[in-house]
Amino acid sequence: ELLQVLADRSLRWGVVTNKSMRFTDPLTQAMPLFASAQAI
């Protein structure tokens, strides 16, 4: 719902994490939520 509010306001969103890419990429690719992220 929060991400939908951002989309409704034409605000881009992304993720900045300390998690290694070898875990971040498969995790976020498996979760539909992250399809609209502008940056990970």
PDB file of all heavy atoms in Angstrom:
ATOM      1  N   GLU A   1       0.831  -1.211   0.000  1.00  0.00           N
ATOM      2  CA  GLU A   1       0.000   0.000   0.000  1.00  0.00           C
ATOM      3  C   GLU A   1       0.866   1.262   0.000  1.00  0.00           C
ATOM      4  O   GLU A   1       0.556   2.236  -0.694  1.00  0.00           O
ATOM      5  CB  GLU A   1      -0.946  -0.009   1.213  1.00  0.00           C
ATOM      6  CG  GLU A   1      -1.990  -1.115   1.172  1.00  0.00           C
ATOM      7  CD  GLU A   1      -1.501  -2.481   1.663  1.00  0.00           C
ATOM      8  OE1 GLU A   1      -0.334  -2.607   2.097  1.00  0.00           O
ATOM      9  OE2 GLU A   1      -2.289  -3.436   1.598  1.00  0.00           O
ATOM     10  N   LEU A   2       1.948   1.237   0.772  1.00  0.00           N
ATOM     11  CA  LEU A   2       2.868   2.373   0.799  1.00  0.00           C
ATOM     12  C   LEU A   2       3.461   2.620  -0.585  1.00  0.00           C
ATOM     13  O   LEU A   2       3.513   3.751  -1.064  1.00  0.00           O
ATOM     14  CB  LEU A   2       3.986   2.127   1.808  1.00  0.00           C
ATOM     15  CG  LEU A   2       5.154   3.111   1.778  1.00  0.00           C
ATOM     16  CD1 LEU A   2       4.700   4.525   2.114  1.00  0.00           C
ATOM     17  CD2 LEU A   2       6.256   2.647   2.718  1.00  0.00           C
ATOM     18  N   LEU A   3       3.901   1.552  -1.229  1.00  0.00           N
ATOM     19  CA  LEU A   3       4.487   1.697  -2.560  1.00  0.00           C
ATOM     20  C   LEU A   3       3.460   2.169  -3.574  1.00  0.00           C
ATOM     21  O   LEU A   3       3.800   2.906  -4.511  1.00  0.00           O
ATOM     22  CB  LEU A   3       5.142   0.389  -2.991  1.00  0.00           C
ATOM     23  CG  LEU A   3       6.303  -0.069  -2.101  1.00  0.00           C
ATOM     24  CD1 LEU A   3       6.878  -1.377  -2.605  1.00  0.00           C
ATOM     25  CD2 LEU A   3       7.377   1.002  -1.978  1.00  0.00           C
ATOM     26  N   GLN A   4       2.206   1.783  -3.392  1.00  0.00           N
ATOM     27  CA  GLN A   4       1.151   2.286  -4.271  1.00  0.00           C
ATOM     28  C   GLN A   4       0.943   3.784  -4.082  1.00  0.00           C
ATOM     29  O   GLN A   4       0.715   4.511  -5.047  1.00  0.00           O
ATOM     30  CB  GLN A   4      -0.160   1.524  -4.033  1.00  0.00           C
ATOM     31  CG  GLN A   4      -1.260   1.904  -5.013  1.00  0.00           C
ATOM     32  CD  GLN A   4      -0.843   1.658  -6.450  1.00  0.00           C
ATOM     33  OE1 GLN A   4      -0.455   0.550  -6.803  1.00  0.00           O
ATOM     34  NE2 GLN A   4      -0.921   2.688  -7.302  1.00  0.00           N
ATOM     35  N   VAL A   5       1.029   4.253  -2.854  1.00  0.00           N
ATOM     36  CA  VAL A   5       0.923   5.696  -2.593  1.00  0.00           C
ATOM     37  C   VAL A   5       2.046   6.436  -3.323  1.00  0.00           C
ATOM     38  O   VAL A   5       1.818   7.485  -3.932  1.00  0.00           O
ATOM     39  CB  VAL A   5       0.964   5.992  -1.070  1.00  0.00           C
ATOM     40  CG1 VAL A   5       1.139   7.481  -0.797  1.00  0.00           C
ATOM     41  CG2 VAL A   5      -0.294   5.472  -0.389  1.00  0.00           C
ATOM     42  N   LEU A   6       3.259   5.888  -3.276  1.00  0.00           N
ATOM     43  CA  LEU A   6       4.371   6.517  -3.993  1.00  0.00           C
ATOM     44  C   LEU A   6       4.089   6.537  -5.495  1.00  0.00           C
ATOM     45  O   LEU A   6       4.307   7.556  -6.161  1.00  0.00           O
ATOM     46  CB  LEU A   6       5.681   5.784  -3.702  1.00  0.00           C
ATOM     47  CG  LEU A   6       6.172   5.818  -2.258  1.00  0.00           C
ATOM     48  CD1 LEU A   6       7.462   5.010  -2.127  1.00  0.00           C
ATOM     49  CD2 LEU A   6       6.365   7.238  -1.760  1.00  0.00           C
ATOM     50  N   ALA A   7       3.608   5.426  -6.027  1.00  0.00           N
ATOM     51  CA  ALA A   7       3.288   5.355  -7.456  1.00  0.00           C
ATOM     52  C   ALA A   7       2.196   6.361  -7.824  1.00  0.00           C
ATOM     53  O   ALA A   7       2.291   7.038  -8.858  1.00  0.00           O
ATOM     54  CB  ALA A   7       2.860   3.938  -7.834  1.00  0.00           C
ATOM     55  N   ASP A   8       1.200   6.483  -6.962  1.00  0.00           N
ATOM     56  CA  ASP A   8       0.107   7.437  -7.211  1.00  0.00           C
ATOM     57  C   ASP A   8       0.615   8.875  -7.249  1.00  0.00           C
ATOM     58  O   ASP A   8      -0.002   9.730  -7.886  1.00  0.00           O
ATOM     59  CB  ASP A   8      -0.975   7.307  -6.132  1.00  0.00           C
ATOM     60  CG  ASP A   8      -1.727   5.983  -6.207  1.00  0.00           C
ATOM     61  OD1 ASP A   8      -1.597   5.266  -7.224  1.00  0.00           O
ATOM     62  OD2 ASP A   8      -2.428   5.660  -5.221  1.00  0.00           O
ATOM     63  N   ARG A   9       1.723   9.132  -6.579  1.00  0.00           N
ATOM     64  CA  ARG A   9       2.316  10.474  -6.546  1.00  0.00           C
ATOM     65  C   ARG A   9       3.486  10.591  -7.533  1.00  0.00           C
ATOM     66  O   ARG A   9       4.253  11.533  -7.462  1.00  0.00           O
ATOM     67  CB  ARG A   9       2.764  10.805  -5.133  1.00  0.00           C
ATOM     68  CG  ARG A   9       1.575  11.045  -4.201  1.00  0.00           C
ATOM     69  CD  ARG A   9       2.011  11.271  -2.769  1.00  0.00           C
ATOM     70  NE  ARG A   9       0.944  11.740  -1.933  1.00  0.00           N
ATOM     71  CZ  ARG A   9      -0.064  11.012  -1.477  1.00  0.00           C
ATOM     72  NH1 ARG A   9      -0.184   9.754  -1.827  1.00  0.00           N
ATOM     73  NH2 ARG A   9      -0.981  11.532  -0.689  1.00  0.00           N
ATOM     74  N   SER A  10       3.612   9.606  -8.392  1.00  0.00           N
ATOM     75  CA  SER A  10       4.677   9.559  -9.407  1.00  0.00           C
ATOM     76  C   SER A  10       6.068   9.644  -8.796  1.00  0.00           C
ATOM     77  O   SER A  10       6.981  10.230  -9.385  1.00  0.00           O
ATOM     78  CB  SER A  10       4.479  10.681 -10.434  1.00  0.00           C
ATOM     79  OG  SER A  10       3.250  10.518 -11.097  1.00  0.00           O
ATOM     80  N   LEU A  11       6.213   9.053  -7.628  1.00  0.00           N
ATOM     81  CA  LEU A  11       7.515   9.008  -6.971  1.00  0.00           C
ATOM     82  C   LEU A  11       8.175   7.660  -7.239  1.00  0.00           C
ATOM     83  O   LEU A  11       7.559   6.611  -7.059  1.00  0.00           O
ATOM     84  CB  LEU A  11       7.370   9.212  -5.458  1.00  0.00           C
ATOM     85  CG  LEU A  11       7.079  10.635  -5.023  1.00  0.00           C
ATOM     86  CD1 LEU A  11       6.701  10.674  -3.550  1.00  0.00           C
ATOM     87  CD2 LEU A  11       8.292  11.513  -5.277  1.00  0.00           C
ATOM     88  N   ARG A  12       9.407   7.704  -7.670  1.00  0.00           N
ATOM     89  CA  ARG A  12      10.166   6.484  -7.878  1.00  0.00           C
ATOM     90  C   ARG A  12      10.646   5.968  -6.531  1.00  0.00           C
ATOM     91  O   ARG A  12      10.787   6.727  -5.580  1.00  0.00           O
ATOM     92  CB  ARG A  12      11.352   6.759  -8.798  1.00  0.00           C
ATOM     93  CG  ARG A  12      10.901   7.164 -10.200  1.00  0.00           C
ATOM     94  CD  ARG A  12      12.059   7.591 -11.021  1.00  0.00           C
ATOM     95  NE  ARG A  12      12.492   8.886 -10.469  1.00  0.00           N
ATOM     96  CZ  ARG A  12      13.457   9.619 -10.968  1.00  0.00           C
ATOM     97  NH1 ARG A  12      14.122   9.212 -12.023  1.00  0.00           N
ATOM     98  NH2 ARG A  12      13.790  10.759 -10.421  1.00  0.00           N
ATOM     99  N   TRP A  13      10.923   4.667  -6.485  1.00  0.00           N
ATOM    100  CA  TRP A  13      11.416   4.080  -5.239  1.00  0.00           C
ATOM    101  C   TRP A  13      12.453   3.023  -5.564  1.00  0.00           C
ATOM    102  O   TRP A  13      12.528   2.508  -6.667  1.00  0.00           O
ATOM    103  CB  TRP A  13      10.282   3.510  -4.400  1.00  0.00           C
ATOM    104  CG  TRP A  13       9.675   2.251  -4.947  1.00  0.00           C
ATOM    105  CD1 TRP A  13       8.714   2.149  -5.913  1.00  0.00           C
ATOM    106  CD2 TRP A  13       9.994   0.915  -4.555  1.00  0.00           C
ATOM    107  NE1 TRP A  13       8.418   0.827  -6.145  1.00  0.00           N
ATOM    108  CE2 TRP A  13       9.187   0.047  -5.336  1.00  0.00           C
ATOM    109  CE3 TRP A  13      10.875   0.359  -3.626  1.00  0.00           C
ATOM    110  CZ2 TRP A  13       9.234  -1.330  -5.202  1.00  0.00           C
ATOM    111  CZ3 TRP A  13      10.919  -1.022  -3.509  1.00  0.00           C
ATOM    112  CH2 TRP A  13      10.108  -1.846  -4.275  1.00  0.00           C
ATOM    113  N   GLY A  14      13.269   2.739  -4.557  1.00  0.00           N
ATOM    114  CA  GLY A  14      14.296   1.728  -4.722  1.00  0.00           C
ATOM    115  C   GLY A  14      14.763   1.208  -3.381  1.00  0.00           C
ATOM    116  O   GLY A  14      14.246   1.599  -2.324  1.00  0.00           O
ATOM    117  N   VAL A  15      15.750   0.332  -3.455  1.00  0.00           N
ATOM    118  CA  VAL A  15      16.275  -0.343  -2.275  1.00  0.00           C
ATOM    119  C   VAL A  15      17.780  -0.127  -2.199  1.00  0.00           C
ATOM    120  O   VAL A  15      18.472  -0.212  -3.216  1.00  0.00           O
ATOM    121  CB  VAL A  15      15.982  -1.864  -2.356  1.00  0.00           C
ATOM    122  CG1 VAL A  15      16.686  -2.625  -1.244  1.00  0.00           C
ATOM    123  CG2 VAL A  15      14.485  -2.121  -2.339  1.00  0.00           C
ATOM    124  N   VAL A  16      18.258   0.134  -1.004  1.00  0.00           N
ATOM    125  CA  VAL A  16      19.692   0.179  -0.717  1.00  0.00           C
ATOM    126  C   VAL A  16      19.898  -0.727   0.495  1.00  0.00           C
ATOM    127  O   VAL A  16      19.366  -0.466   1.572  1.00  0.00           O
ATOM    128  CB  VAL A  16      20.191   1.608  -0.419  1.00  0.00           C
ATOM    129  CG1 VAL A  16      21.670   1.601  -0.108  1.00  0.00           C
ATOM    130  CG2 VAL A  16      19.889   2.537  -1.585  1.00  0.00           C
ATOM    131  N   THR A  17      20.654  -1.793   0.300  1.00  0.00           N
ATOM    132  CA  THR A  17      20.825  -2.790   1.348  1.00  0.00           C
ATOM    133  C   THR A  17      22.295  -3.170   1.512  1.00  0.00           C
ATOM    134  O   THR A  17      23.073  -3.042   0.568  1.00  0.00           O
ATOM    135  CB  THR A  17      19.999  -4.063   1.029  1.00  0.00           C
ATOM    136  OG1 THR A  17      20.194  -5.034   2.050  1.00  0.00           O
ATOM    137  CG2 THR A  17      20.369  -4.664  -0.316  1.00  0.00           C
ATOM    138  N   ASN A  18      22.644  -3.628   2.686  1.00  0.00           N
ATOM    139  CA  ASN A  18      23.987  -4.181   2.900  1.00  0.00           C
ATOM    140  C   ASN A  18      24.072  -5.639   2.455  1.00  0.00           C
ATOM    141  O   ASN A  18      25.155  -6.201   2.373  1.00  0.00           O
ATOM    142  CB  ASN A  18      24.394  -4.078   4.375  1.00  0.00           C
ATOM    143  CG  ASN A  18      24.895  -2.690   4.716  1.00  0.00           C
ATOM    144  OD1 ASN A  18      25.436  -1.986   3.877  1.00  0.00           O
ATOM    145  ND2 ASN A  18      24.697  -2.282   5.954  1.00  0.00           N
ATOM    146  N   LYS A  19      22.933  -6.260   2.167  1.00  0.00           N
ATOM    147  CA  LYS A  19      22.899  -7.657   1.732  1.00  0.00           C
ATOM    148  C   LYS A  19      23.678  -7.789   0.419  1.00  0.00           C
ATOM    149  O   LYS A  19      23.559  -6.948  -0.471  1.00  0.00           O
ATOM    150  CB  LYS A  19      21.445  -8.102   1.539  1.00  0.00           C
ATOM    151  CG  LYS A  19      21.277  -9.575   1.228  1.00  0.00           C
ATOM    152  CD  LYS A  19      19.819  -9.924   0.947  1.00  0.00           C
ATOM    153  CE  LYS A  19      18.943  -9.886   2.142  1.00  0.00           C
ATOM    154  NZ  LYS A  19      19.102 -10.982   3.085  1.00  0.00           N
ATOM    155  N   SER A  20      24.460  -8.838   0.293  1.00  0.00           N
ATOM    156  CA  SER A  20      25.242  -9.085  -0.922  1.00  0.00           C
ATOM    157  C   SER A  20      24.329  -9.320  -2.116  1.00  0.00           C
ATOM    158  O   SER A  20      23.248  -9.898  -1.983  1.00  0.00           O
ATOM    159  CB  SER A  20      26.137 -10.310  -0.749  1.00  0.00           C
ATOM    160  OG  SER A  20      27.082 -10.084   0.264  1.00  0.00           O
ATOM    161  N   MET A  21      24.807  -8.928  -3.281  1.00  0.00           N
ATOM    162  CA  MET A  21      24.037  -9.077  -4.510  1.00  0.00           C
ATOM    163  C   MET A  21      23.661 -10.535  -4.775  1.00  0.00           C
ATOM    164  O   MET A  21      22.593 -10.814  -5.300  1.00  0.00           O
ATOM    165  CB  MET A  21      24.833  -8.513  -5.688  1.00  0.00           C
ATOM    166  CG  MET A  21      24.095  -8.569  -7.004  1.00  0.00           C
ATOM    167  SD  MET A  21      24.954  -7.740  -8.350  1.00  0.00           S
ATOM    168  CE  MET A  21      26.433  -8.726  -8.499  1.00  0.00           C
ATOM    169  N   ARG A  22      24.518 -11.464  -4.365  1.00  0.00           N
ATOM    170  CA  ARG A  22      24.218 -12.882  -4.619  1.00  0.00           C
ATOM    171  C   ARG A  22      22.959 -13.332  -3.888  1.00  0.00           C
ATOM    172  O   ARG A  22      22.358 -14.351  -4.245  1.00  0.00           O
ATOM    173  CB  ARG A  22      25.406 -13.777  -4.284  1.00  0.00           C
ATOM    174  CG  ARG A  22      25.724 -13.909  -2.809  1.00  0.00           C
ATOM    175  CD  ARG A  22      26.854 -14.918  -2.609  1.00  0.00           C
ATOM    176  NE  ARG A  22      27.359 -14.908  -1.262  1.00  0.00           N
ATOM    177  CZ  ARG A  22      28.140 -15.841  -0.774  1.00  0.00           C
ATOM    178  NH1 ARG A  22      28.533 -16.856  -1.539  1.00  0.00           N
ATOM    179  NH2 ARG A  22      28.565 -15.782   0.461  1.00  0.00           N
ATOM    180  N   PHE A  23      22.545 -12.583  -2.871  1.00  0.00           N
ATOM    181  CA  PHE A  23      21.293 -12.882  -2.172  1.00  0.00           C
ATOM    182  C   PHE A  23      20.195 -11.896  -2.561  1.00  0.00           C
ATOM    183  O   PHE A  23      19.035 -12.282  -2.695  1.00  0.00           O
ATOM    184  CB  PHE A  23      21.500 -12.843  -0.652  1.00  0.00           C
ATOM    185  CG  PHE A  23      22.589 -13.753  -0.171  1.00  0.00           C
ATOM    186  CD1 PHE A  23      23.649 -13.258   0.559  1.00  0.00           C
ATOM    187  CD2 PHE A  23      22.572 -15.105  -0.471  1.00  0.00           C
ATOM    188  CE1 PHE A  23      24.670 -14.090   0.994  1.00  0.00           C
ATOM    189  CE2 PHE A  23      23.585 -15.950  -0.043  1.00  0.00           C
ATOM    190  CZ  PHE A  23      24.632 -15.436   0.692  1.00  0.00           C
ATOM    191  N   THR A  24      20.551 -10.636  -2.719  1.00  0.00           N
ATOM    192  CA  THR A  24      19.563  -9.614  -3.040  1.00  0.00           C
ATOM    193  C   THR A  24      18.875  -9.894  -4.367  1.00  0.00           C
ATOM    194  O   THR A  24      17.648  -9.830  -4.465  1.00  0.00           O
ATOM    195  CB  THR A  24      20.217  -8.218  -3.107  1.00  0.00           C
ATOM    196  OG1 THR A  24      20.898  -7.954  -1.886  1.00  0.00           O
ATOM    197  CG2 THR A  24      19.179  -7.138  -3.345  1.00  0.00           C
ATOM    198  N   ASP A  25      19.659 -10.195  -5.400  1.00  0.00           N
ATOM    199  CA  ASP A  25      19.069 -10.379  -6.724  1.00  0.00           C
ATOM    200  C   ASP A  25      18.066 -11.532  -6.779  1.00  0.00           C
ATOM    201  O   ASP A  25      16.921 -11.323  -7.197  1.00  0.00           O
ATOM    202  CB  ASP A  25      20.151 -10.550  -7.788  1.00  0.00           C
ATOM    203  CG  ASP A  25      20.834  -9.237  -8.135  1.00  0.00           C
ATOM    204  OD1 ASP A  25      20.442  -8.173  -7.601  1.00  0.00           O
ATOM    205  OD2 ASP A  25      21.772  -9.268  -8.951  1.00  0.00           O
ATOM    206  N   PRO A  26      18.431 -12.737  -6.356  1.00  0.00           N
ATOM    207  CA  PRO A  26      17.421 -13.805  -6.442  1.00  0.00           C
ATOM    208  C   PRO A  26      16.216 -13.567  -5.531  1.00  0.00           C
ATOM    209  O   PRO A  26      15.090 -13.921  -5.883  1.00  0.00           O
ATOM    210  CB  PRO A  26      18.173 -15.075  -6.049  1.00  0.00           C
ATOM    211  CG  PRO A  26      19.457 -14.644  -5.467  1.00  0.00           C
ATOM    212  CD  PRO A  26      19.724 -13.255  -5.920  1.00  0.00           C
ATOM    213  N   LEU A  27      16.451 -12.951  -4.398  1.00  0.00           N
ATOM    214  CA  LEU A  27      15.354 -12.682  -3.470  1.00  0.00           C
ATOM    215  C   LEU A  27      14.374 -11.685  -4.067  1.00  0.00           C
ATOM    216  O   LEU A  27      13.170 -11.923  -4.110  1.00  0.00           O
ATOM    217  CB  LEU A  27      15.904 -12.174  -2.137  1.00  0.00           C
ATOM    218  CG  LEU A  27      14.897 -11.859  -1.047  1.00  0.00           C
ATOM    219  CD1 LEU A  27      14.093 -13.097  -0.675  1.00  0.00           C
ATOM    220  CD2 LEU A  27      15.600 -11.313   0.172  1.00  0.00           C
ATOM    221  N   THR A  28      14.887 -10.558  -4.549  1.00  0.00           N
ATOM    222  CA  THR A  28      13.994  -9.523  -5.088  1.00  0.00           C
ATOM    223  C   THR A  28      13.371  -9.950  -6.416  1.00  0.00           C
ATOM    224  O   THR A  28      12.236  -9.595  -6.712  1.00  0.00           O
ATOM    225  CB  THR A  28      14.710  -8.179  -5.231  1.00  0.00           C
ATOM    226  OG1 THR A  28      15.867  -8.330  -6.058  1.00  0.00           O
ATOM    227  CG2 THR A  28      15.114  -7.626  -3.865  1.00  0.00           C
ATOM    228  N   GLN A  29      14.078 -10.746  -7.187  1.00  0.00           N
ATOM    229  CA  GLN A  29      13.510 -11.231  -8.457  1.00  0.00           C
ATOM    230  C   GLN A  29      12.378 -12.225  -8.226  1.00  0.00           C
ATOM    231  O   GLN A  29      11.477 -12.350  -9.061  1.00  0.00           O
ATOM    232  CB  GLN A  29      14.605 -11.841  -9.324  1.00  0.00           C
ATOM    233  CG  GLN A  29      15.552 -10.787  -9.869  1.00  0.00           C
ATOM    234  CD  GLN A  29      16.815 -11.369 -10.477  1.00  0.00           C
ATOM    235  OE1 GLN A  29      16.953 -12.578 -10.641  1.00  0.00           O
ATOM    236  NE2 GLN A  29      17.760 -10.491 -10.808  1.00  0.00           N
ATOM    237  N   ALA A  30      12.405 -12.909  -7.110  1.00  0.00           N
ATOM    238  CA  ALA A  30      11.355 -13.886  -6.800  1.00  0.00           C
ATOM    239  C   ALA A  30      10.110 -13.248  -6.183  1.00  0.00           C
ATOM    240  O   ALA A  30       9.072 -13.900  -6.091  1.00  0.00           O
ATOM    241  CB  ALA A  30      11.904 -14.952  -5.844  1.00  0.00           C
ATOM    242  N   MET A  31      10.223 -11.980  -5.786  1.00  0.00           N
ATOM    243  CA  MET A  31       9.098 -11.323  -5.121  1.00  0.00           C
ATOM    244  C   MET A  31       8.514 -10.249  -6.043  1.00  0.00           C
ATOM    245  O   MET A  31       9.188  -9.268  -6.363  1.00  0.00           O
ATOM    246  CB  MET A  31       9.551 -10.704  -3.795  1.00  0.00           C
ATOM    247  CG  MET A  31      10.107 -11.744  -2.822  1.00  0.00           C
ATOM    248  SD  MET A  31      10.650 -11.042  -1.252  1.00  0.00           S
ATOM    249  CE  MET A  31       9.078 -10.984  -0.400  1.00  0.00           C
ATOM    250  N   PRO A  32       7.262 -10.414  -6.476  1.00  0.00           N
ATOM    251  CA  PRO A  32       6.654  -9.464  -7.408  1.00  0.00           C
ATOM    252  C   PRO A  32       6.694  -8.003  -6.948  1.00  0.00           C
ATOM    253  O   PRO A  32       6.727  -7.101  -7.769  1.00  0.00           O
ATOM    254  CB  PRO A  32       5.207  -9.955  -7.522  1.00  0.00           C
ATOM    255  CG  PRO A  32       5.259 -11.396  -7.153  1.00  0.00           C
ATOM    256  CD  PRO A  32       6.372 -11.523  -6.143  1.00  0.00           C
ATOM    257  N   LEU A  33       6.722  -7.787  -5.656  1.00  0.00           N
ATOM    258  CA  LEU A  33       6.758  -6.437  -5.109  1.00  0.00           C
ATOM    259  C   LEU A  33       7.867  -5.591  -5.733  1.00  0.00           C
ATOM    260  O   LEU A  33       7.698  -4.398  -5.960  1.00  0.00           O
ATOM    261  CB  LEU A  33       6.976  -6.511  -3.590  1.00  0.00           C
ATOM    262  CG  LEU A  33       7.130  -5.176  -2.869  1.00  0.00           C
ATOM    263  CD1 LEU A  33       5.752  -4.582  -2.626  1.00  0.00           C
ATOM    264  CD2 LEU A  33       7.866  -5.348  -1.560  1.00  0.00           C
ATOM    265  N   PHE A  34       8.998  -6.200  -6.036  1.00  0.00           N
ATOM    266  CA  PHE A  34      10.165  -5.444  -6.469  1.00  0.00           C
ATOM    267  C   PHE A  34      10.204  -5.163  -7.965  1.00  0.00           C
ATOM    268  O   PHE A  34      11.115  -4.484  -8.438  1.00  0.00           O
ATOM    269  CB  PHE A  34      11.444  -6.152  -6.004  1.00  0.00           C
ATOM    270  CG  PHE A  34      11.528  -6.184  -4.509  1.00  0.00           C
ATOM    271  CD1 PHE A  34      11.142  -7.309  -3.810  1.00  0.00           C
ATOM    272  CD2 PHE A  34      11.953  -5.069  -3.802  1.00  0.00           C
ATOM    273  CE1 PHE A  34      11.182  -7.324  -2.422  1.00  0.00           C
ATOM    274  CE2 PHE A  34      11.982  -5.077  -2.421  1.00  0.00           C
ATOM    275  CZ  PHE A  34      11.602  -6.207  -1.722  1.00  0.00           C
ATOM    276  N   ALA A  35       9.214  -5.622  -8.704  1.00  0.00           N
ATOM    277  CA  ALA A  35       9.173  -5.367 -10.146  1.00  0.00           C
ATOM    278  C   ALA A  35       9.096  -3.876 -10.457  1.00  0.00           C
ATOM    279  O   ALA A  35       9.595  -3.424 -11.490  1.00  0.00           O
ATOM    280  CB  ALA A  35       8.004  -6.110 -10.784  1.00  0.00           C
ATOM    281  N   SER A  36       8.511  -3.105  -9.566  1.00  0.00           N
ATOM    282  CA  SER A  36       8.364  -1.662  -9.819  1.00  0.00           C
ATOM    283  C   SER A  36       9.489  -0.819  -9.207  1.00  0.00           C
ATOM    284  O   SER A  36       9.484   0.401  -9.350  1.00  0.00           O
ATOM    285  CB  SER A  36       7.011  -1.170  -9.286  1.00  0.00           C
ATOM    286  OG  SER A  36       6.940  -1.315  -7.878  1.00  0.00           O
ATOM    287  N   ALA A  37      10.456  -1.457  -8.582  1.00  0.00           N
ATOM    288  CA  ALA A  37      11.591  -0.707  -8.010  1.00  0.00           C
ATOM    289  C   ALA A  37      12.431  -0.120  -9.138  1.00  0.00           C
ATOM    290  O   ALA A  37      12.734  -0.794 -10.118  1.00  0.00           O
ATOM    291  CB  ALA A  37      12.442  -1.611  -7.136  1.00  0.00           C
ATOM    292  N   GLN A  38      12.822   1.117  -8.984  1.00  0.00           N
ATOM    293  CA  GLN A  38      13.648   1.782  -9.993  1.00  0.00           C
ATOM    294  C   GLN A  38      15.120   1.467  -9.829  1.00  0.00           C
ATOM    295  O   GLN A  38      15.887   1.590 -10.774  1.00  0.00           O
ATOM    296  CB  GLN A  38      13.442   3.303  -9.922  1.00  0.00           C
ATOM    297  CG  GLN A  38      12.033   3.731 -10.210  1.00  0.00           C
ATOM    298  CD  GLN A  38      11.640   3.416 -11.645  1.00  0.00           C
ATOM    299  OE1 GLN A  38      12.335   3.796 -12.575  1.00  0.00           O
ATOM    300  NE2 GLN A  38      10.545   2.705 -11.814  1.00  0.00           N
ATOM    301  N   ALA A  39      15.502   1.069  -8.608  1.00  0.00           N
ATOM    302  CA  ALA A  39      16.907   0.734  -8.341  1.00  0.00           C
ATOM    303  C   ALA A  39      16.973  -0.223  -7.169  1.00  0.00           C
ATOM    304  O   ALA A  39      16.193  -0.113  -6.220  1.00  0.00           O
ATOM    305  CB  ALA A  39      17.697   1.995  -8.010  1.00  0.00           C
ATOM    306  N   ILE A  40      17.905  -1.155  -7.270  1.00  0.00           N
ATOM    307  CA  ILE A  40      18.203  -2.041  -6.143  1.00  0.00           C
ATOM    308  C   ILE A  40      19.717  -2.080  -6.032  1.00  0.00           C
ATOM    309  O   ILE A  40      20.404  -2.560  -6.934  1.00  0.00           O
ATOM    310  CB  ILE A  40      17.617  -3.447  -6.329  1.00  0.00           C
ATOM    311  CG1 ILE A  40      16.083  -3.360  -6.403  1.00  0.00           C
ATOM    312  CG2 ILE A  40      18.048  -4.357  -5.186  1.00  0.00           C
ATOM    313  CD1 ILE A  40      15.377  -4.681  -6.619  1.00  0.00           C
TER     314      ILE A  40
END
